[in-house]
Amino acid sequence: MRHSIIVLASLLLASNAYSADERPATKAEIEKIAVGNTVNGRLKYTKEGRYTFAGGNPGKYTITAGKICIKFDDGKGRCDRIVTDGKKYTMVTSQGERYPYGN
């Protein structure tokens, strides 16, 4: 039983996508990093709302508090969480992968 509780607690923490010292980035924080910029040399977010990844995978993006979502031109889409510890920003994918974001 104790092992089951520990496993469940670990899964719940992982699903939150951020650690105790992180919080979801605000919409304004994400916009400041992304809009009109190329982030990490590969993620391009135009001021008109268009997105490309390293020149491919075009689509449109939307930003909300703690999240940036892409609706690809082929109909697929995804949302990634953006979290911060107050100094650096991190993108957390739906699979839980973590990448620096605009650092």
PDB file of N, CA and C in Angstrom:
ATOM      1  N   MET A   1       0.828  -1.198   0.000  1.00  0.00           N
ATOM      2  CA  MET A   1       0.000   0.000   0.000  1.00  0.00           C
ATOM      3  C   MET A   1       0.870   1.259   0.000  1.00  0.00           C
ATOM      4  N   ARG A   2       1.897   1.275   0.835  1.00  0.00           N
ATOM      5  CA  ARG A   2       2.762   2.452   0.916  1.00  0.00           C
ATOM      6  C   ARG A   2       3.434   2.717  -0.430  1.00  0.00           C
ATOM      7  N   HIS A   3       3.883   1.652  -1.080  1.00  0.00           N
ATOM      8  CA  HIS A   3       4.510   1.788  -2.399  1.00  0.00           C
ATOM      9  C   HIS A   3       3.531   2.405  -3.401  1.00  0.00           C
ATOM     10  N   SER A   4       2.282   1.995  -3.361  1.00  0.00           N
ATOM     11  CA  SER A   4       1.263   2.541  -4.264  1.00  0.00           C
ATOM     12  C   SER A   4       1.053   4.021  -4.034  1.00  0.00           C
ATOM     13  N   ILE A   5       1.080   4.447  -2.795  1.00  0.00           N
ATOM     14  CA  ILE A   5       0.908   5.872  -2.475  1.00  0.00           C
ATOM     15  C   ILE A   5       2.085   6.677  -2.996  1.00  0.00           C
ATOM     16  N   ILE A   6       3.292   6.155  -2.832  1.00  0.00           N
ATOM     17  CA  ILE A   6       4.482   6.862  -3.325  1.00  0.00           C
ATOM     18  C   ILE A   6       4.436   6.982  -4.849  1.00  0.00           C
ATOM     19  N   VAL A   7       4.077   5.906  -5.531  1.00  0.00           N
ATOM     20  CA  VAL A   7       3.982   5.941  -6.993  1.00  0.00           C
ATOM     21  C   VAL A   7       2.916   6.944  -7.429  1.00  0.00           C
ATOM     22  N   LEU A   8       1.768   6.935  -6.784  1.00  0.00           N
ATOM     23  CA  LEU A   8       0.698   7.871  -7.131  1.00  0.00           C
ATOM     24  C   LEU A   8       1.136   9.310  -6.902  1.00  0.00           C
ATOM     25  N   ALA A   9       1.790   9.579  -5.794  1.00  0.00           N
ATOM     26  CA  ALA A   9       2.267  10.930  -5.510  1.00  0.00           C
ATOM     27  C   ALA A   9       3.279  11.378  -6.558  1.00  0.00           C
ATOM     28  N   SER A  10       4.161  10.472  -6.981  1.00  0.00           N
ATOM     29  CA  SER A  10       5.142  10.804  -8.019  1.00  0.00           C
ATOM     30  C   SER A  10       4.464  11.139  -9.336  1.00  0.00           C
ATOM     31  N   LEU A  11       3.453  10.369  -9.698  1.00  0.00           N
ATOM     32  CA  LEU A  11       2.718  10.637 -10.931  1.00  0.00           C
ATOM     33  C   LEU A  11       1.999  11.975 -10.872  1.00  0.00           C
ATOM     34  N   LEU A  12       1.418  12.294  -9.741  1.00  0.00           N
ATOM     35  CA  LEU A  12       0.724  13.574  -9.600  1.00  0.00           C
ATOM     36  C   LEU A  12       1.694  14.734  -9.714  1.00  0.00           C
ATOM     37  N   LEU A  13       2.859  14.633  -9.098  1.00  0.00           N
ATOM     38  CA  LEU A  13       3.850  15.697  -9.210  1.00  0.00           C
ATOM     39  C   LEU A  13       4.320  15.849 -10.645  1.00  0.00           C
ATOM     40  N   ALA A  14       4.548  14.752 -11.342  1.00  0.00           N
ATOM     41  CA  ALA A  14       4.984  14.819 -12.737  1.00  0.00           C
ATOM     42  C   ALA A  14       3.917  15.457 -13.613  1.00  0.00           C
ATOM     43  N   SER A  15       2.655  15.204 -13.331  1.00  0.00           N
ATOM     44  CA  SER A  15       1.588  15.748 -14.169  1.00  0.00           C
ATOM     45  C   SER A  15       1.416  17.240 -13.990  1.00  0.00           C
ATOM     46  N   ASN A  16       1.909  17.803 -12.891  1.00  0.00           N
ATOM     47  CA  ASN A  16       1.827  19.244 -12.685  1.00  0.00           C
ATOM     48  C   ASN A  16       2.806  19.991 -13.576  1.00  0.00           C
ATOM     49  N   ALA A  17       3.835  19.308 -14.071  1.00  0.00           N
ATOM     50  CA  ALA A  17       4.799  19.834 -15.037  1.00  0.00           C
ATOM     51  C   ALA A  17       5.708  20.912 -14.480  1.00  0.00           C
ATOM     52  N   TYR A  18       5.664  21.165 -13.198  1.00  0.00           N
ATOM     53  CA  TYR A  18       6.614  22.103 -12.618  1.00  0.00           C
ATOM     54  C   TYR A  18       6.900  21.723 -11.183  1.00  0.00           C
ATOM     55  N   SER A  19       8.088  22.117 -10.751  1.00  0.00           N
ATOM     56  CA  SER A  19       8.509  21.786  -9.394  1.00  0.00           C
ATOM     57  C   SER A  19       8.013  22.851  -8.426  1.00  0.00           C
ATOM     58  N   ALA A  20       8.307  22.642  -7.167  1.00  0.00           N
ATOM     59  CA  ALA A  20       7.814  23.537  -6.116  1.00  0.00           C
ATOM     60  C   ALA A  20       8.312  24.969  -6.279  1.00  0.00           C
ATOM     61  N   ASP A  21       9.482  25.160  -6.883  1.00  0.00           N
ATOM     62  CA  ASP A  21      10.012  26.514  -7.048  1.00  0.00           C
ATOM     63  C   ASP A  21       9.615  27.144  -8.377  1.00  0.00           C
ATOM     64  N   GLU A  22       8.758  26.484  -9.150  1.00  0.00           N
ATOM     65  CA  GLU A  22       8.296  27.016 -10.422  1.00  0.00           C
ATOM     66  C   GLU A  22       6.806  27.325 -10.374  1.00  0.00           C
ATOM     67  N   ARG A  23       6.407  28.205 -11.282  1.00  0.00           N
ATOM     68  CA  ARG A  23       4.996  28.548 -11.448  1.00  0.00           C
ATOM     69  C   ARG A  23       4.724  28.698 -12.930  1.00  0.00           C
ATOM     70  N   PRO A  24       3.459  28.597 -13.339  1.00  0.00           N
ATOM     71  CA  PRO A  24       3.147  28.852 -14.744  1.00  0.00           C
ATOM     72  C   PRO A  24       3.517  30.293 -15.115  1.00  0.00           C
ATOM     73  N   ALA A  25       4.106  30.490 -16.261  1.00  0.00           N
ATOM     74  CA  ALA A  25       4.413  31.839 -16.741  1.00  0.00           C
ATOM     75  C   ALA A  25       3.108  32.549 -17.071  1.00  0.00           C
ATOM     76  N   THR A  26       3.087  33.852 -16.901  1.00  0.00           N
ATOM     77  CA  THR A  26       1.895  34.622 -17.255  1.00  0.00           C
ATOM     78  C   THR A  26       1.821  34.769 -18.775  1.00  0.00           C
ATOM     79  N   LYS A  27       0.642  35.104 -19.253  1.00  0.00           N
ATOM     80  CA  LYS A  27       0.465  35.342 -20.694  1.00  0.00           C
ATOM     81  C   LYS A  27       1.432  36.429 -21.153  1.00  0.00           C
ATOM     82  N   ALA A  28       1.561  37.502 -20.387  1.00  0.00           N
ATOM     83  CA  ALA A  28       2.451  38.610 -20.757  1.00  0.00           C
ATOM     84  C   ALA A  28       3.914  38.173 -20.805  1.00  0.00           C
ATOM     85  N   GLU A  29       4.326  37.320 -19.887  1.00  0.00           N
ATOM     86  CA  GLU A  29       5.714  36.833 -19.895  1.00  0.00           C
ATOM     87  C   GLU A  29       5.992  36.008 -21.150  1.00  0.00           C
ATOM     88  N   ILE A  30       5.064  35.134 -21.505  1.00  0.00           N
ATOM     89  CA  ILE A  30       5.246  34.295 -22.695  1.00  0.00           C
ATOM     90  C   ILE A  30       5.240  35.163 -23.952  1.00  0.00           C
ATOM     91  N   GLU A  31       4.313  36.113 -24.012  1.00  0.00           N
ATOM     92  CA  GLU A  31       4.250  37.003 -25.182  1.00  0.00           C
ATOM     93  C   GLU A  31       5.553  37.777 -25.348  1.00  0.00           C
ATOM     94  N   LYS A  32       6.134  38.243 -24.254  1.00  0.00           N
ATOM     95  CA  LYS A  32       7.381  39.011 -24.316  1.00  0.00           C
ATOM     96  C   LYS A  32       8.512  38.176 -24.920  1.00  0.00           C
ATOM     97  N   ILE A  33       8.540  36.894 -24.593  1.00  0.00           N
ATOM     98  CA  ILE A  33       9.575  36.008 -25.118  1.00  0.00           C
ATOM     99  C   ILE A  33       9.292  35.641 -26.576  1.00  0.00           C
ATOM    100  N   ALA A  34       8.033  35.316 -26.889  1.00  0.00           N
ATOM    101  CA  ALA A  34       7.713  34.674 -28.169  1.00  0.00           C
ATOM    102  C   ALA A  34       7.322  35.623 -29.299  1.00  0.00           C
ATOM    103  N   VAL A  35       6.378  36.500 -29.079  1.00  0.00           N
ATOM    104  CA  VAL A  35       5.749  37.257 -30.170  1.00  0.00           C
ATOM    105  C   VAL A  35       6.773  38.098 -30.939  1.00  0.00           C
ATOM    106  N   GLY A  36       6.845  37.811 -32.238  1.00  0.00           N
ATOM    107  CA  GLY A  36       7.760  38.541 -33.119  1.00  0.00           C
ATOM    108  C   GLY A  36       9.192  38.057 -33.025  1.00  0.00           C
ATOM    109  N   ASN A  37       9.403  36.920 -32.379  1.00  0.00           N
ATOM    110  CA  ASN A  37      10.763  36.438 -32.142  1.00  0.00           C
ATOM    111  C   ASN A  37      10.949  35.000 -32.607  1.00  0.00           C
ATOM    112  N   THR A  38      12.228  34.640 -32.750  1.00  0.00           N
ATOM    113  CA  THR A  38      12.625  33.255 -32.936  1.00  0.00           C
ATOM    114  C   THR A  38      13.223  32.818 -31.608  1.00  0.00           C
ATOM    115  N   VAL A  39      12.607  31.824 -30.983  1.00  0.00           N
ATOM    116  CA  VAL A  39      13.010  31.370 -29.657  1.00  0.00           C
ATOM    117  C   VAL A  39      13.931  30.159 -29.798  1.00  0.00           C
ATOM    118  N   ASN A  40      15.012  30.193 -29.068  1.00  0.00           N
ATOM    119  CA  ASN A  40      15.987  29.098 -29.069  1.00  0.00           C
ATOM    120  C   ASN A  40      16.521  28.796 -30.473  1.00  0.00           C
ATOM    121  N   GLY A  41      16.483  29.795 -31.351  1.00  0.00           N
ATOM    122  CA  GLY A  41      17.032  29.640 -32.689  1.00  0.00           C
ATOM    123  C   GLY A  41      16.223  28.763 -33.629  1.00  0.00           C
ATOM    124  N   ARG A  42      15.039  28.260 -33.170  1.00  0.00           N
ATOM    125  CA  ARG A  42      14.290  27.316 -34.002  1.00  0.00           C
ATOM    126  C   ARG A  42      12.789  27.554 -34.026  1.00  0.00           C
ATOM    127  N   LEU A  43      12.237  28.105 -32.984  1.00  0.00           N
ATOM    128  CA  LEU A  43      10.782  28.300 -32.873  1.00  0.00           C
ATOM    129  C   LEU A  43      10.458  29.733 -33.251  1.00  0.00           C
ATOM    130  N   LYS A  44       9.812  29.937 -34.405  1.00  0.00           N
ATOM    131  CA  LYS A  44       9.529  31.293 -34.881  1.00  0.00           C
ATOM    132  C   LYS A  44       8.053  31.619 -34.674  1.00  0.00           C
ATOM    133  N   TYR A  45       7.801  32.715 -33.965  1.00  0.00           N
ATOM    134  CA  TYR A  45       6.445  33.194 -33.679  1.00  0.00           C
ATOM    135  C   TYR A  45       6.309  34.602 -34.265  1.00  0.00           C
ATOM    136  N   THR A  46       5.583  34.735 -35.380  1.00  0.00           N
ATOM    137  CA  THR A  46       5.439  36.054 -35.993  1.00  0.00           C
ATOM    138  C   THR A  46       4.435  36.893 -35.197  1.00  0.00           C
ATOM    139  N   LYS A  47       4.493  38.195 -35.415  1.00  0.00           N
ATOM    140  CA  LYS A  47       3.535  39.104 -34.771  1.00  0.00           C
ATOM    141  C   LYS A  47       2.113  38.861 -35.274  1.00  0.00           C
ATOM    142  N   GLU A  48       1.987  38.251 -36.459  1.00  0.00           N
ATOM    143  CA  GLU A  48       0.675  37.970 -37.056  1.00  0.00           C
ATOM    144  C   GLU A  48       0.074  36.650 -36.562  1.00  0.00           C
ATOM    145  N   GLY A  49       0.771  35.964 -35.656  1.00  0.00           N
ATOM    146  CA  GLY A  49       0.239  34.730 -35.085  1.00  0.00           C
ATOM    147  C   GLY A  49       0.642  33.455 -35.788  1.00  0.00           C
ATOM    148  N   ARG A  50       1.592  33.546 -36.706  1.00  0.00           N
ATOM    149  CA  ARG A  50       2.068  32.358 -37.416  1.00  0.00           C
ATOM    150  C   ARG A  50       3.261  31.745 -36.673  1.00  0.00           C
ATOM    151  N   TYR A  51       3.408  30.420 -36.829  1.00  0.00           N
ATOM    152  CA  TYR A  51       4.460  29.666 -36.166  1.00  0.00           C
ATOM    153  C   TYR A  51       5.148  28.737 -37.157  1.00  0.00           C
ATOM    154  N   THR A  52       6.461  28.610 -37.051  1.00  0.00           N
ATOM    155  CA  THR A  52       7.210  27.566 -37.752  1.00  0.00           C
ATOM    156  C   THR A  52       8.290  27.047 -36.817  1.00  0.00           C
ATOM    157  N   PHE A  53       8.647  25.798 -37.026  1.00  0.00           N
ATOM    158  CA  PHE A  53       9.718  25.159 -36.266  1.00  0.00           C
ATOM    159  C   PHE A  53      10.851  24.862 -37.217  1.00  0.00           C
ATOM    160  N   ALA A  54      11.958  25.555 -37.061  1.00  0.00           N
ATOM    161  CA  ALA A  54      13.145  25.356 -37.906  1.00  0.00           C
ATOM    162  C   ALA A  54      12.784  25.385 -39.393  1.00  0.00           C
ATOM    163  N   GLY A  55      11.851  26.261 -39.757  1.00  0.00           N
ATOM    164  CA  GLY A  55      11.489  26.430 -41.156  1.00  0.00           C
ATOM    165  C   GLY A  55      10.406  25.495 -41.654  1.00  0.00           C
ATOM    166  N   GLY A  56       9.981  24.543 -40.866  1.00  0.00           N
ATOM    167  CA  GLY A  56       8.941  23.604 -41.276  1.00  0.00           C
ATOM    168  C   GLY A  56       7.800  23.613 -40.281  1.00  0.00           C
ATOM    169  N   ASN A  57       6.899  22.677 -40.405  1.00  0.00           N
ATOM    170  CA  ASN A  57       5.769  22.540 -39.470  1.00  0.00           C
ATOM    171  C   ASN A  57       5.018  23.854 -39.235  1.00  0.00           C
ATOM    172  N   PRO A  58       4.493  24.505 -40.284  1.00  0.00           N
ATOM    173  CA  PRO A  58       3.819  25.783 -40.092  1.00  0.00           C
ATOM    174  C   PRO A  58       2.451  25.638 -39.428  1.00  0.00           C
ATOM    175  N   GLY A  59       2.048  26.720 -38.779  1.00  0.00           N
ATOM    176  CA  GLY A  59       0.737  26.756 -38.159  1.00  0.00           C
ATOM    177  C   GLY A  59       0.484  28.111 -37.523  1.00  0.00           C
ATOM    178  N   LYS A  60      -0.522  28.155 -36.662  1.00  0.00           N
ATOM    179  CA  LYS A  60      -0.860  29.369 -35.917  1.00  0.00           C
ATOM    180  C   LYS A  60      -0.713  29.068 -34.435  1.00  0.00           C
ATOM    181  N   TYR A  61      -0.291  30.073 -33.675  1.00  0.00           N
ATOM    182  CA  TYR A  61      -0.134  29.885 -32.236  1.00  0.00           C
ATOM    183  C   TYR A  61      -1.094  30.765 -31.458  1.00  0.00           C
ATOM    184  N   THR A  62      -1.425  30.314 -30.269  1.00  0.00           N
ATOM    185  CA  THR A  62      -2.173  31.115 -29.303  1.00  0.00           C
ATOM    186  C   THR A  62      -1.469  30.993 -27.959  1.00  0.00           C
ATOM    187  N   ILE A  63      -1.545  32.064 -27.193  1.00  0.00           N
ATOM    188  CA  ILE A  63      -0.895  32.103 -25.888  1.00  0.00           C
ATOM    189  C   ILE A  63      -1.938  32.381 -24.825  1.00  0.00           C
ATOM    190  N   THR A  64      -1.914  31.598 -23.778  1.00  0.00           N
ATOM    191  CA  THR A  64      -2.725  31.828 -22.584  1.00  0.00           C
ATOM    192  C   THR A  64      -1.793  31.713 -21.392  1.00  0.00           C
ATOM    193  N   ALA A  65      -2.282  32.017 -20.217  1.00  0.00           N
ATOM    194  CA  ALA A  65      -1.459  31.933 -19.016  1.00  0.00           C
ATOM    195  C   ALA A  65      -0.897  30.521 -18.882  1.00  0.00           C
ATOM    196  N   GLY A  66       0.416  30.407 -18.844  1.00  0.00           N
ATOM    197  CA  GLY A  66       1.080  29.141 -18.634  1.00  0.00           C
ATOM    198  C   GLY A  66       1.141  28.207 -19.818  1.00  0.00           C
ATOM    199  N   LYS A  67       0.693  28.658 -20.995  1.00  0.00           N
ATOM    200  CA  LYS A  67       0.583  27.714 -22.106  1.00  0.00           C
ATOM    201  C   LYS A  67       0.716  28.411 -23.451  1.00  0.00           C
ATOM    202  N   ILE A  68       1.349  27.708 -24.378  1.00  0.00           N
ATOM    203  CA  ILE A  68       1.372  28.144 -25.770  1.00  0.00           C
ATOM    204  C   ILE A  68       0.913  26.960 -26.614  1.00  0.00           C
ATOM    205  N   CYS A  69      -0.080  27.204 -27.462  1.00  0.00           N
ATOM    206  CA  CYS A  69      -0.676  26.138 -28.272  1.00  0.00           C
ATOM    207  C   CYS A  69      -0.448  26.425 -29.749  1.00  0.00           C
ATOM    208  N   ILE A  70      -0.195  25.350 -30.489  1.00  0.00           N
ATOM    209  CA  ILE A  70       0.014  25.452 -31.926  1.00  0.00           C
ATOM    210  C   ILE A  70      -1.063  24.641 -32.632  1.00  0.00           C
ATOM    211  N   LYS A  71      -1.722  25.247 -33.607  1.00  0.00           N
ATOM    212  CA  LYS A  71      -2.661  24.556 -34.499  1.00  0.00           C
ATOM    213  C   LYS A  71      -1.964  24.513 -35.853  1.00  0.00           C
ATOM    214  N   PHE A  72      -1.453  23.333 -36.199  1.00  0.00           N
ATOM    215  CA  PHE A  72      -0.695  23.185 -37.433  1.00  0.00           C
ATOM    216  C   PHE A  72      -1.619  23.247 -38.639  1.00  0.00           C
ATOM    217  N   ASP A  73      -1.067  23.669 -39.757  1.00  0.00           N
ATOM    218  CA  ASP A  73      -1.839  23.786 -40.992  1.00  0.00           C
ATOM    219  C   ASP A  73      -2.409  22.444 -41.455  1.00  0.00           C
ATOM    220  N   ASP A  74      -1.794  21.337 -41.042  1.00  0.00           N
ATOM    221  CA  ASP A  74      -2.301  20.015 -41.437  1.00  0.00           C
ATOM    222  C   ASP A  74      -3.434  19.525 -40.533  1.00  0.00           C
ATOM    223  N   GLY A  75      -3.878  20.380 -39.592  1.00  0.00           N
ATOM    224  CA  GLY A  75      -4.996  20.029 -38.721  1.00  0.00           C
ATOM    225  C   GLY A  75      -4.593  19.492 -37.362  1.00  0.00           C
ATOM    226  N   LYS A  76      -3.364  19.069 -37.216  1.00  0.00           N
ATOM    227  CA  LYS A  76      -2.894  18.580 -35.921  1.00  0.00           C
ATOM    228  C   LYS A  76      -2.598  19.762 -35.012  1.00  0.00           C
ATOM    229  N   GLY A  77      -2.366  19.493 -33.753  1.00  0.00           N
ATOM    230  CA  GLY A  77      -2.040  20.561 -32.829  1.00  0.00           C
ATOM    231  C   GLY A  77      -1.398  20.038 -31.577  1.00  0.00           C
ATOM    232  N   ARG A  78      -0.891  20.964 -30.780  1.00  0.00           N
ATOM    233  CA  ARG A  78      -0.322  20.605 -29.484  1.00  0.00           C
ATOM    234  C   ARG A  78      -0.264  21.847 -28.609  1.00  0.00           C
ATOM    235  N   CYS A  79      -0.211  21.612 -27.314  1.00  0.00           N
ATOM    236  CA  CYS A  79      -0.026  22.681 -26.346  1.00  0.00           C
ATOM    237  C   CYS A  79       1.146  22.319 -25.446  1.00  0.00           C
ATOM    238  N   ASP A  80       1.976  23.285 -25.166  1.00  0.00           N
ATOM    239  CA  ASP A  80       3.101  23.100 -24.260  1.00  0.00           C
ATOM    240  C   ASP A  80       2.951  24.077 -23.103  1.00  0.00           C
ATOM    241  N   ARG A  81       3.332  23.639 -21.923  1.00  0.00           N
ATOM    242  CA  ARG A  81       3.315  24.519 -20.758  1.00  0.00           C
ATOM    243  C   ARG A  81       4.613  25.304 -20.706  1.00  0.00           C
ATOM    244  N   ILE A  82       4.507  26.542 -20.265  1.00  0.00           N
ATOM    245  CA  ILE A  82       5.687  27.371 -20.045  1.00  0.00           C
ATOM    246  C   ILE A  82       5.692  27.708 -18.562  1.00  0.00           C
ATOM    247  N   VAL A  83       6.788  27.331 -17.881  1.00  0.00           N
ATOM    248  CA  VAL A  83       6.905  27.577 -16.442  1.00  0.00           C
ATOM    249  C   VAL A  83       8.145  28.417 -16.177  1.00  0.00           C
ATOM    250  N   THR A  84       8.175  29.050 -15.006  1.00  0.00           N
ATOM    251  CA  THR A  84       9.326  29.862 -14.640  1.00  0.00           C
ATOM    252  C   THR A  84       9.610  29.740 -13.147  1.00  0.00           C
ATOM    253  N   ASP A  85      10.871  29.906 -12.820  1.00  0.00           N
ATOM    254  CA  ASP A  85      11.278  29.988 -11.420  1.00  0.00           C
ATOM    255  C   ASP A  85      11.545  31.445 -11.046  1.00  0.00           C
ATOM    256  N   GLY A  86      11.182  32.360 -11.943  1.00  0.00           N
ATOM    257  CA  GLY A  86      11.406  33.783 -11.734  1.00  0.00           C
ATOM    258  C   GLY A  86      12.663  34.289 -12.420  1.00  0.00           C
ATOM    259  N   LYS A  87      13.534  33.376 -12.834  1.00  0.00           N
ATOM    260  CA  LYS A  87      14.773  33.748 -13.517  1.00  0.00           C
ATOM    261  C   LYS A  87      14.848  33.162 -14.913  1.00  0.00           C
ATOM    262  N   LYS A  88      14.488  31.904 -15.041  1.00  0.00           N
ATOM    263  CA  LYS A  88      14.529  31.248 -16.350  1.00  0.00           C
ATOM    264  C   LYS A  88      13.169  30.639 -16.661  1.00  0.00           C
ATOM    265  N   TYR A  89      12.954  30.416 -17.950  1.00  0.00           N
ATOM    266  CA  TYR A  89      11.692  29.849 -18.414  1.00  0.00           C
ATOM    267  C   TYR A  89      11.967  28.475 -19.013  1.00  0.00           C
ATOM    268  N   THR A  90      11.005  27.574 -18.851  1.00  0.00           N
ATOM    269  CA  THR A  90      11.140  26.214 -19.331  1.00  0.00           C
ATOM    270  C   THR A  90       9.860  25.809 -20.050  1.00  0.00           C
ATOM    271  N   MET A  91      10.020  25.161 -21.226  1.00  0.00           N
ATOM    272  CA  MET A  91       8.884  24.592 -21.935  1.00  0.00           C
ATOM    273  C   MET A  91       8.758  23.139 -21.481  1.00  0.00           C
ATOM    274  N   VAL A  92       7.533  22.755 -21.118  1.00  0.00           N
ATOM    275  CA  VAL A  92       7.257  21.376 -20.720  1.00  0.00           C
ATOM    276  C   VAL A  92       6.248  20.812 -21.713  1.00  0.00           C
ATOM    277  N   THR A  93       6.658  19.791 -22.449  1.00  0.00           N
ATOM    278  CA  THR A  93       5.781  19.199 -23.458  1.00  0.00           C
ATOM    279  C   THR A  93       4.718  18.332 -22.792  1.00  0.00           C
ATOM    280  N   SER A  94       3.741  17.907 -23.568  1.00  0.00           N
ATOM    281  CA  SER A  94       2.692  17.037 -23.032  1.00  0.00           C
ATOM    282  C   SER A  94       3.254  15.686 -22.596  1.00  0.00           C
ATOM    283  N   GLN A  95       4.435  15.320 -23.090  1.00  0.00           N
ATOM    284  CA  GLN A  95       5.083  14.087 -22.670  1.00  0.00           C
ATOM    285  C   GLN A  95       5.955  14.296 -21.433  1.00  0.00           C
ATOM    286  N   GLY A  96       6.014  15.539 -20.939  1.00  0.00           N
ATOM    287  CA  GLY A  96       6.810  15.836 -19.756  1.00  0.00           C
ATOM    288  C   GLY A  96       8.254  16.200 -20.038  1.00  0.00           C
ATOM    289  N   GLU A  97       8.625  16.287 -21.322  1.00  0.00           N
ATOM    290  CA  GLU A  97       9.984  16.689 -21.666  1.00  0.00           C
ATOM    291  C   GLU A  97      10.154  18.172 -21.362  1.00  0.00           C
ATOM    292  N   ARG A  98      11.321  18.529 -20.859  1.00  0.00           N
ATOM    293  CA  ARG A  98      11.596  19.911 -20.443  1.00  0.00           C
ATOM    294  C   ARG A  98      12.722  20.502 -21.284  1.00  0.00           C
ATOM    295  N   TYR A  99      12.512  21.731 -21.795  1.00  0.00           N
ATOM    296  CA  TYR A  99      13.502  22.418 -22.596  1.00  0.00           C
ATOM    297  C   TYR A  99      13.586  23.883 -22.142  1.00  0.00           C
ATOM    298  N   PRO A 100      14.793  24.459 -22.153  1.00  0.00           N
ATOM    299  CA  PRO A 100      14.899  25.900 -21.883  1.00  0.00           C
ATOM    300  C   PRO A 100      14.039  26.650 -22.899  1.00  0.00           C
ATOM    301  N   TYR A 101      13.439  27.744 -22.463  1.00  0.00           N
ATOM    302  CA  TYR A 101      12.562  28.517 -23.354  1.00  0.00           C
ATOM    303  C   TYR A 101      12.984  29.987 -23.298  1.00  0.00           C
ATOM    304  N   GLY A 102      13.638  30.416 -24.373  1.00  0.00           N
ATOM    305  CA  GLY A 102      14.043  31.817 -24.465  1.00  0.00           C
ATOM    306  C   GLY A 102      15.156  32.201 -23.536  1.00  0.00           C
ATOM    307  N   ASN A 103      15.893  31.238 -23.042  1.00  0.00           N
ATOM    308  CA  ASN A 103      17.003  31.543 -22.113  1.00  0.00           C
ATOM    309  C   ASN A 103      18.306  31.694 -22.866  1.00  0.00           C
TER     310      ASN A 103
END
